[in-house]
Protein backbone atom coordinates (compact mmCIF):
# COMPACT_ATOMS: atom_id res chain seq x y z
CA MET A 1 110.52 107.58 79.48
CA VAL A 2 107.07 105.94 79.25
CA GLN A 3 105.52 105.38 82.65
CA VAL A 4 102.90 102.66 82.94
CA THR A 5 101.09 103.20 86.20
CA SER A 6 98.22 100.72 86.01
CA LEU A 7 97.42 97.89 83.64
CA ALA A 8 94.37 95.68 83.75
CA GLN A 9 95.01 92.86 86.22
CA HIS A 10 93.81 90.22 83.79
CA ALA A 11 96.52 91.27 81.34
CA ARG A 12 99.43 90.67 83.67
CA GLY A 13 101.44 87.78 82.29
CA ALA A 14 99.60 87.77 78.96
CA ILE A 15 101.78 87.15 75.90
CA ILE A 16 101.81 90.05 73.42
CA LEU A 17 103.35 89.41 70.00
CA VAL A 18 104.99 92.59 68.68
CA THR A 19 106.21 92.89 65.10
CA GLY A 20 108.73 95.62 64.35
CA ALA A 21 109.79 95.32 68.00
CA SER A 22 113.32 96.63 67.40
CA GLY A 23 112.12 99.75 65.61
CA PHE A 24 111.54 103.32 66.79
CA VAL A 25 108.05 102.67 68.18
CA GLY A 26 108.50 98.96 68.86
CA ALA A 27 111.47 99.31 71.21
CA ALA A 28 109.68 101.87 73.40
CA LEU A 29 106.47 99.85 73.34
CA GLY A 30 108.28 96.68 74.33
CA ARG A 31 109.80 98.36 77.37
CA ALA A 32 106.40 99.72 78.42
CA LEU A 33 104.71 96.34 78.03
CA LEU A 34 107.38 94.60 80.10
CA GLN A 35 107.19 97.28 82.75
CA GLY A 36 103.44 96.73 82.93
CA GLY A 37 103.71 93.00 83.52
CA TYR A 38 103.05 91.69 80.04
CA ARG A 39 105.19 89.00 78.44
CA VAL A 40 106.58 90.39 75.20
CA ARG A 41 107.25 88.09 72.27
CA ALA A 42 109.19 89.93 69.57
CA ALA A 43 109.03 88.71 65.99
CA VAL A 44 112.57 89.02 64.59
CA ARG A 45 114.12 88.14 61.26
CA ALA A 46 116.77 85.80 62.61
CA ALA A 47 117.44 84.08 65.94
CA ASP A 48 120.82 85.79 66.39
CA VAL A 49 119.36 89.29 66.28
CA GLY A 50 118.84 89.28 70.06
CA ASP A 51 116.07 90.59 72.24
CA PRO A 52 114.78 94.01 71.11
CA ALA A 53 114.06 94.81 74.76
CA SER A 54 115.59 93.30 77.86
CA GLY A 55 113.24 90.56 79.01
CA ALA A 56 111.50 90.10 75.66
CA GLU A 57 111.33 86.69 74.02
CA ALA A 58 112.64 86.79 70.46
CA VAL A 59 111.04 84.43 67.94
CA ALA A 60 112.62 84.15 64.49
CA VAL A 61 110.06 84.38 61.66
CA GLY A 62 112.34 85.32 58.76
CA ASP A 63 111.35 88.11 56.40
CA ILE A 64 107.78 89.18 57.01
CA GLY A 65 105.88 88.42 53.83
CA THR A 66 103.17 86.32 52.22
CA GLY A 67 104.92 83.07 53.15
CA THR A 68 105.73 83.79 56.80
CA ASP A 69 104.89 80.96 59.19
CA TRP A 70 103.43 82.61 62.31
CA THR A 71 102.48 79.40 64.13
CA GLN A 72 105.26 79.41 66.72
CA ALA A 73 105.18 83.16 67.24
CA LEU A 74 101.43 83.11 67.94
CA LEU A 75 101.43 80.07 70.20
CA GLY A 76 99.59 81.10 73.37
CA ALA A 77 99.55 84.79 72.39
CA ASP A 78 96.78 86.93 73.84
CA SER A 79 97.18 89.85 71.42
CA VAL A 80 99.20 91.08 68.43
CA ILE A 81 100.57 94.59 67.93
CA HIS A 82 101.57 94.86 64.28
CA LEU A 83 104.10 97.65 63.74
CA ALA A 84 106.35 96.16 61.05
CA ALA A 85 105.90 97.84 57.68
CA ARG A 86 107.60 99.14 54.59
CA THR A 87 107.78 102.83 55.43
CA HIS A 88 108.73 105.88 53.37
CA VAL A 89 111.67 105.28 51.05
CA LEU A 90 113.66 108.45 50.38
CA HIS A 91 115.36 107.21 47.23
CA GLU A 92 112.91 104.73 45.73
CA THR A 93 114.54 102.23 43.36
CA ALA A 94 111.66 99.81 42.83
CA ARG A 95 110.06 99.97 39.39
CA ASP A 96 106.61 99.56 40.91
CA SER A 97 106.73 101.13 44.37
CA LEU A 98 103.05 100.45 45.08
CA ALA A 99 103.59 96.73 44.43
CA GLU A 100 106.48 96.73 46.91
CA TYR A 101 104.42 98.52 49.55
CA ARG A 102 101.54 96.12 49.00
CA ARG A 103 103.76 93.06 49.33
CA VAL A 104 104.79 93.97 52.89
CA ASN A 105 102.06 96.29 54.13
CA VAL A 106 98.99 94.59 52.68
CA TYR A 107 99.55 90.94 51.80
CA ALA A 108 101.90 90.16 54.71
CA THR A 109 99.55 91.96 57.12
CA GLU A 110 96.59 89.96 55.83
CA ARG A 111 98.50 86.70 56.33
CA LEU A 112 99.37 87.65 59.92
CA ALA A 113 95.75 88.61 60.62
CA ARG A 114 94.52 85.26 59.31
CA ALA A 115 97.06 83.43 61.44
CA ALA A 116 96.02 85.47 64.47
CA VAL A 117 92.37 84.51 63.96
CA THR A 118 93.32 80.85 63.61
CA ALA A 119 95.36 81.11 66.83
CA HIS A 120 92.33 82.64 68.64
CA VAL A 121 94.17 85.85 69.45
CA ARG A 122 92.03 88.25 71.50
CA ARG A 123 93.09 91.53 69.89
CA PHE A 124 94.95 92.65 66.79
CA VAL A 125 96.23 96.24 67.06
CA PHE A 126 97.41 97.64 63.73
CA MET A 127 99.59 100.73 63.39
CA SER A 128 98.33 102.52 60.31
CA SER A 129 98.93 106.16 59.34
CA ILE A 130 97.09 109.46 59.05
CA LYS A 131 98.14 109.33 55.40
CA VAL A 132 95.14 107.04 54.93
CA ASN A 133 92.98 110.14 55.44
CA GLY A 134 95.07 112.31 53.13
CA GLU A 135 97.96 114.72 52.98
CA ASN A 136 96.35 118.08 53.80
CA THR A 137 93.55 119.61 55.83
CA THR A 138 91.84 122.96 55.30
CA ARG A 139 88.80 123.70 57.45
CA HIS A 140 89.10 121.13 60.24
CA GLY A 141 91.26 118.28 61.41
CA PHE A 142 90.77 114.79 60.05
CA THR A 143 88.37 112.54 61.95
CA GLU A 144 87.51 108.85 61.74
CA LEU A 145 84.33 109.80 59.83
CA ASP A 146 86.20 111.46 56.95
CA PRO A 147 86.37 109.29 53.82
CA PRO A 148 89.88 107.89 53.28
CA HIS A 149 91.83 109.68 50.59
CA PRO A 150 95.40 108.30 50.49
CA GLU A 151 97.56 109.98 47.87
CA ASP A 152 100.84 108.06 47.81
CA ALA A 153 101.85 104.40 47.63
CA TYR A 154 102.50 104.17 51.36
CA GLY A 155 99.12 105.65 52.30
CA ILE A 156 97.29 103.47 49.77
CA SER A 157 98.96 100.34 51.11
CA LYS A 158 98.03 101.22 54.70
CA TRP A 159 94.40 101.80 53.72
CA GLU A 160 94.28 98.49 51.84
CA ALA A 161 95.85 96.77 54.85
CA GLU A 162 93.15 98.18 57.12
CA GLN A 163 90.44 96.84 54.81
CA ALA A 164 92.11 93.42 54.70
CA ILE A 165 92.21 93.29 58.51
CA TRP A 166 88.52 94.12 58.80
CA ARG A 167 87.65 91.44 56.23
CA VAL A 168 89.70 88.77 57.98
CA THR A 169 88.61 89.50 61.55
CA SER A 170 84.93 90.25 60.89
CA GLY A 171 82.66 87.77 62.67
CA THR A 172 85.56 86.09 64.49
CA GLY A 173 86.69 86.12 68.11
CA THR A 174 89.61 88.39 67.23
CA GLU A 175 88.97 92.11 67.72
CA ALA A 176 90.86 94.43 65.39
CA ILE A 177 91.83 97.98 66.35
CA VAL A 178 93.44 100.49 64.00
CA LEU A 179 95.52 103.51 65.04
CA ARG A 180 96.33 106.33 62.60
CA PRO A 181 99.06 108.61 64.00
CA PRO A 182 100.54 111.67 62.30
CA LEU A 183 104.29 112.40 62.43
CA ILE A 184 105.85 110.62 65.44
CA TYR A 185 108.76 112.21 67.29
CA GLY A 186 110.80 111.24 70.32
CA PRO A 187 114.09 109.63 71.34
CA GLY A 188 115.45 107.57 68.45
CA VAL A 189 113.53 109.49 65.78
CA LYS A 190 114.81 109.37 62.21
CA GLY A 191 113.85 110.87 58.86
CA ASN A 192 112.65 114.45 58.49
CA PHE A 193 112.43 115.15 62.21
CA LEU A 194 116.04 114.11 62.75
CA ARG A 195 117.02 116.41 59.89
CA LEU A 196 115.12 119.21 61.63
CA LEU A 197 117.06 118.52 64.83
CA ASN A 198 120.33 118.56 62.92
CA ALA A 199 119.52 121.81 61.10
CA THR A 200 118.36 123.58 64.26
CA GLY A 201 121.17 122.26 66.42
CA ARG A 202 123.76 123.41 63.92
CA GLY A 203 122.17 126.84 63.57
CA TRP A 204 121.44 126.65 59.86
CA PRO A 205 119.48 129.70 58.66
CA LEU A 206 116.24 128.67 56.97
CA PRO A 207 113.67 130.81 55.05
CA LEU A 208 110.59 129.44 56.81
CA ALA A 209 109.35 132.29 59.04
CA SER A 210 106.50 133.28 56.69
CA ILE A 211 104.75 129.91 56.74
CA ARG A 212 101.27 129.98 58.30
CA ASN A 213 100.12 126.40 58.70
CA GLN A 214 99.01 123.97 61.42
CA ARG A 215 100.30 120.43 61.79
CA SER A 216 99.58 117.70 64.30
CA MET A 217 102.24 115.40 65.72
CA ILE A 218 102.45 112.79 68.46
CA PHE A 219 105.21 112.14 70.95
CA LEU A 220 106.45 108.56 71.15
CA GLY A 221 105.45 108.22 74.81
CA ASN A 222 101.93 109.39 74.05
CA LEU A 223 101.59 106.94 71.16
CA VAL A 224 102.78 104.03 73.31
CA ALA A 225 100.18 104.93 75.93
CA ALA A 226 97.51 104.99 73.20
CA VAL A 227 98.52 101.49 72.07
CA LEU A 228 98.25 100.25 75.66
CA ALA A 229 94.80 101.83 75.95
CA CYS A 230 93.69 99.99 72.81
CA LEU A 231 95.06 96.76 74.22
CA GLN A 232 93.20 97.12 77.52
CA ALA A 233 89.95 99.04 77.02
CA PRO A 234 86.96 96.67 76.80
CA ASN A 235 85.17 98.89 74.28
CA ALA A 236 88.09 99.44 71.86
CA GLY A 237 87.53 96.40 69.64
CA GLY A 238 86.46 97.02 66.06
CA LYS A 239 87.37 100.71 66.16
CA THR A 240 89.68 103.06 64.26
CA TYR A 241 91.30 105.85 66.25
CA LEU A 242 93.18 108.96 65.18
CA VAL A 243 95.73 110.12 67.74
CA SER A 244 97.87 113.21 68.28
CA ASP A 245 99.37 115.33 71.05
CA GLY A 246 96.49 117.77 70.65
CA GLU A 247 98.86 120.75 70.29
CA ASP A 248 98.99 121.73 66.63
CA VAL A 249 101.83 124.04 65.59
CA SER A 250 103.02 125.91 62.54
CA THR A 251 106.40 125.12 61.01
CA PRO A 252 108.01 128.30 62.46
CA GLU A 253 106.49 127.57 65.89
CA LEU A 254 107.84 124.03 65.78
CA MET A 255 111.31 125.23 64.85
CA ARG A 256 111.34 127.72 67.72
CA ALA A 257 110.12 125.04 70.13
CA VAL A 258 112.78 122.60 68.92
CA ALA A 259 115.46 125.26 69.27
CA ALA A 260 114.34 126.05 72.83
CA ALA A 261 114.47 122.35 73.74
CA LEU A 262 117.96 122.05 72.26
CA GLY A 263 119.18 125.22 73.96
CA ALA A 264 119.85 126.71 70.53
CA ARG A 265 118.64 129.73 68.59
CA ALA A 266 116.05 129.32 65.85
CA ARG A 267 117.60 131.02 62.83
CA ILE A 268 114.60 131.44 60.54
CA PHE A 269 113.86 134.37 58.29
CA PRO A 270 110.85 135.33 56.15
CA CYS A 271 110.40 134.39 52.51
CA PRO A 272 107.13 134.41 50.51
CA VAL A 273 105.62 130.93 50.46
CA PRO A 274 104.95 130.97 46.68
CA LEU A 275 108.65 131.65 46.15
CA LEU A 276 109.54 128.75 48.44
CA LYS A 277 107.29 126.44 46.45
CA LEU A 278 108.72 127.65 43.15
CA GLY A 279 112.26 127.01 44.32
CA ALA A 280 111.29 123.58 45.62
CA ALA A 281 109.69 122.69 42.28
CA VAL A 282 112.85 123.65 40.42
CA LEU A 283 114.87 121.39 42.75
CA GLY A 284 112.37 118.54 42.54
CA LYS A 285 111.47 118.95 46.23
CA SER A 286 107.81 119.90 45.94
CA GLU A 287 106.61 117.06 48.16
CA GLU A 288 109.00 118.03 50.96
CA MET A 289 108.01 121.68 50.69
CA GLU A 290 104.32 120.81 50.86
CA LYS A 291 104.92 119.12 54.20
CA LEU A 292 106.64 122.25 55.47
CA THR A 293 104.02 124.70 54.21
CA GLY A 294 100.75 122.73 54.23
CA SER A 295 98.44 121.91 57.13
CA LEU A 296 97.64 118.45 58.40
CA GLN A 297 95.55 118.41 61.54
CA VAL A 298 94.15 115.46 63.48
CA ASP A 299 91.04 115.48 65.65
CA GLY A 300 91.70 112.92 68.39
CA SER A 301 88.37 113.40 70.19
CA ARG A 302 87.14 109.85 69.66
CA ILE A 303 89.94 108.04 71.50
CA ARG A 304 89.78 110.58 74.32
CA ASN A 305 86.02 110.29 74.71
CA GLU A 306 85.68 106.53 74.26
CA LEU A 307 88.85 105.20 75.91
CA GLY A 308 89.65 108.04 78.29
CA TRP A 309 93.13 108.31 76.78
CA ARG A 310 94.96 111.60 77.33
CA PRO A 311 98.43 112.62 76.16
CA ARG A 312 100.76 112.21 79.14
CA PHE A 313 103.42 114.47 77.65
CA SER A 314 102.93 118.03 76.41
CA LEU A 315 104.71 119.18 73.26
CA ALA A 316 107.34 120.94 75.38
CA GLN A 317 107.91 117.82 77.48
CA GLY A 318 108.09 115.59 74.44
CA LEU A 319 110.59 117.88 72.74
CA ALA A 320 112.65 118.05 75.94
CA GLU A 321 112.86 114.24 76.02
CA THR A 322 113.78 114.22 72.34
CA ALA A 323 116.43 116.91 72.84
CA ARG A 324 118.07 114.96 75.68
CA TRP A 325 118.34 111.94 73.43
CA TYR A 326 119.60 114.05 70.52
CA HIS A 327 122.42 115.62 72.54
CA ALA A 328 123.60 112.14 73.57
CA PHE A 329 123.18 110.89 70.01
CA ALA A 330 125.14 113.82 68.53
CA HIS A 331 127.89 113.40 71.13
CA ALA A 332 128.23 109.70 70.36
CA ARG A 333 128.35 110.47 66.64
CA LEU A 334 131.19 112.96 67.19
CA GLN A 335 133.05 110.46 69.34
CA ASN A 336 132.83 107.83 66.63
CA LYS A 337 134.28 110.27 64.10
CA SER A 338 137.23 111.15 66.33
CA PRO A 339 140.57 109.67 65.21
């Protein structure tokens, strides 16, 4: 899926420690790194988990937290790509959700960054989130110059993690780089985008045709290429980059594009947005409805201008790749349910 055509010669054979290597982004990134000649060292919870990607070296570190010993995992490592995180929890059970997010996303990240500096790691690439900037845009897309305005526990923890990384790496030989992507889609996607695929593929009628918004997304293959650019570009150190496909779409446009990729019909019909929001409030789904009706745009000019990064996949191509995976995924799911 992700084609790596040319990597810096000096990087060939370099050891890259990847946390979250068996996840949605991590698995694709690991394959791309291996294809490009890097040696991938995957931090895993236990030794019997197995290699997240064929050819990767798995190093058991236990649960990633404030007490994790990173010594062995960082031995001889050139760079770290830190993907592991506590992400959105649909049905939160923790009494203090912010404390739980901080435990994994802030304090554990700070410990890893300190260990990376001690191990003389060249670069520390951190996967943050556009939620650090905020939840909605009005006049223009978010840029790196906009003041951070995280609104939920996850966004706050990512912003605090970024600050911890800058504190730890400042004045050292380790260069930190932060990426803030919006919604990521592609083969293996979960969460809201998988629900969208399910709803569209099954032909569920949805009252979303009246929504007039603009939202940025990024295809998995494009994000992986952006990570590689941050790993390689000599001028990337110490920077924060916002990334997206560069093709913002409204919710109805996205649903039609998803339907076309799936070979299905988009069954959407108009309904006044205020009525949608009222109904969502009654059902306790206001946050979900805001994501469907609100705008969240990303201005990715900086990474394009400074690193020369360009999205390799268009929205249509990214959705086509995602649809191919989804058809196989849905088929396998049906097979497993068969008596």
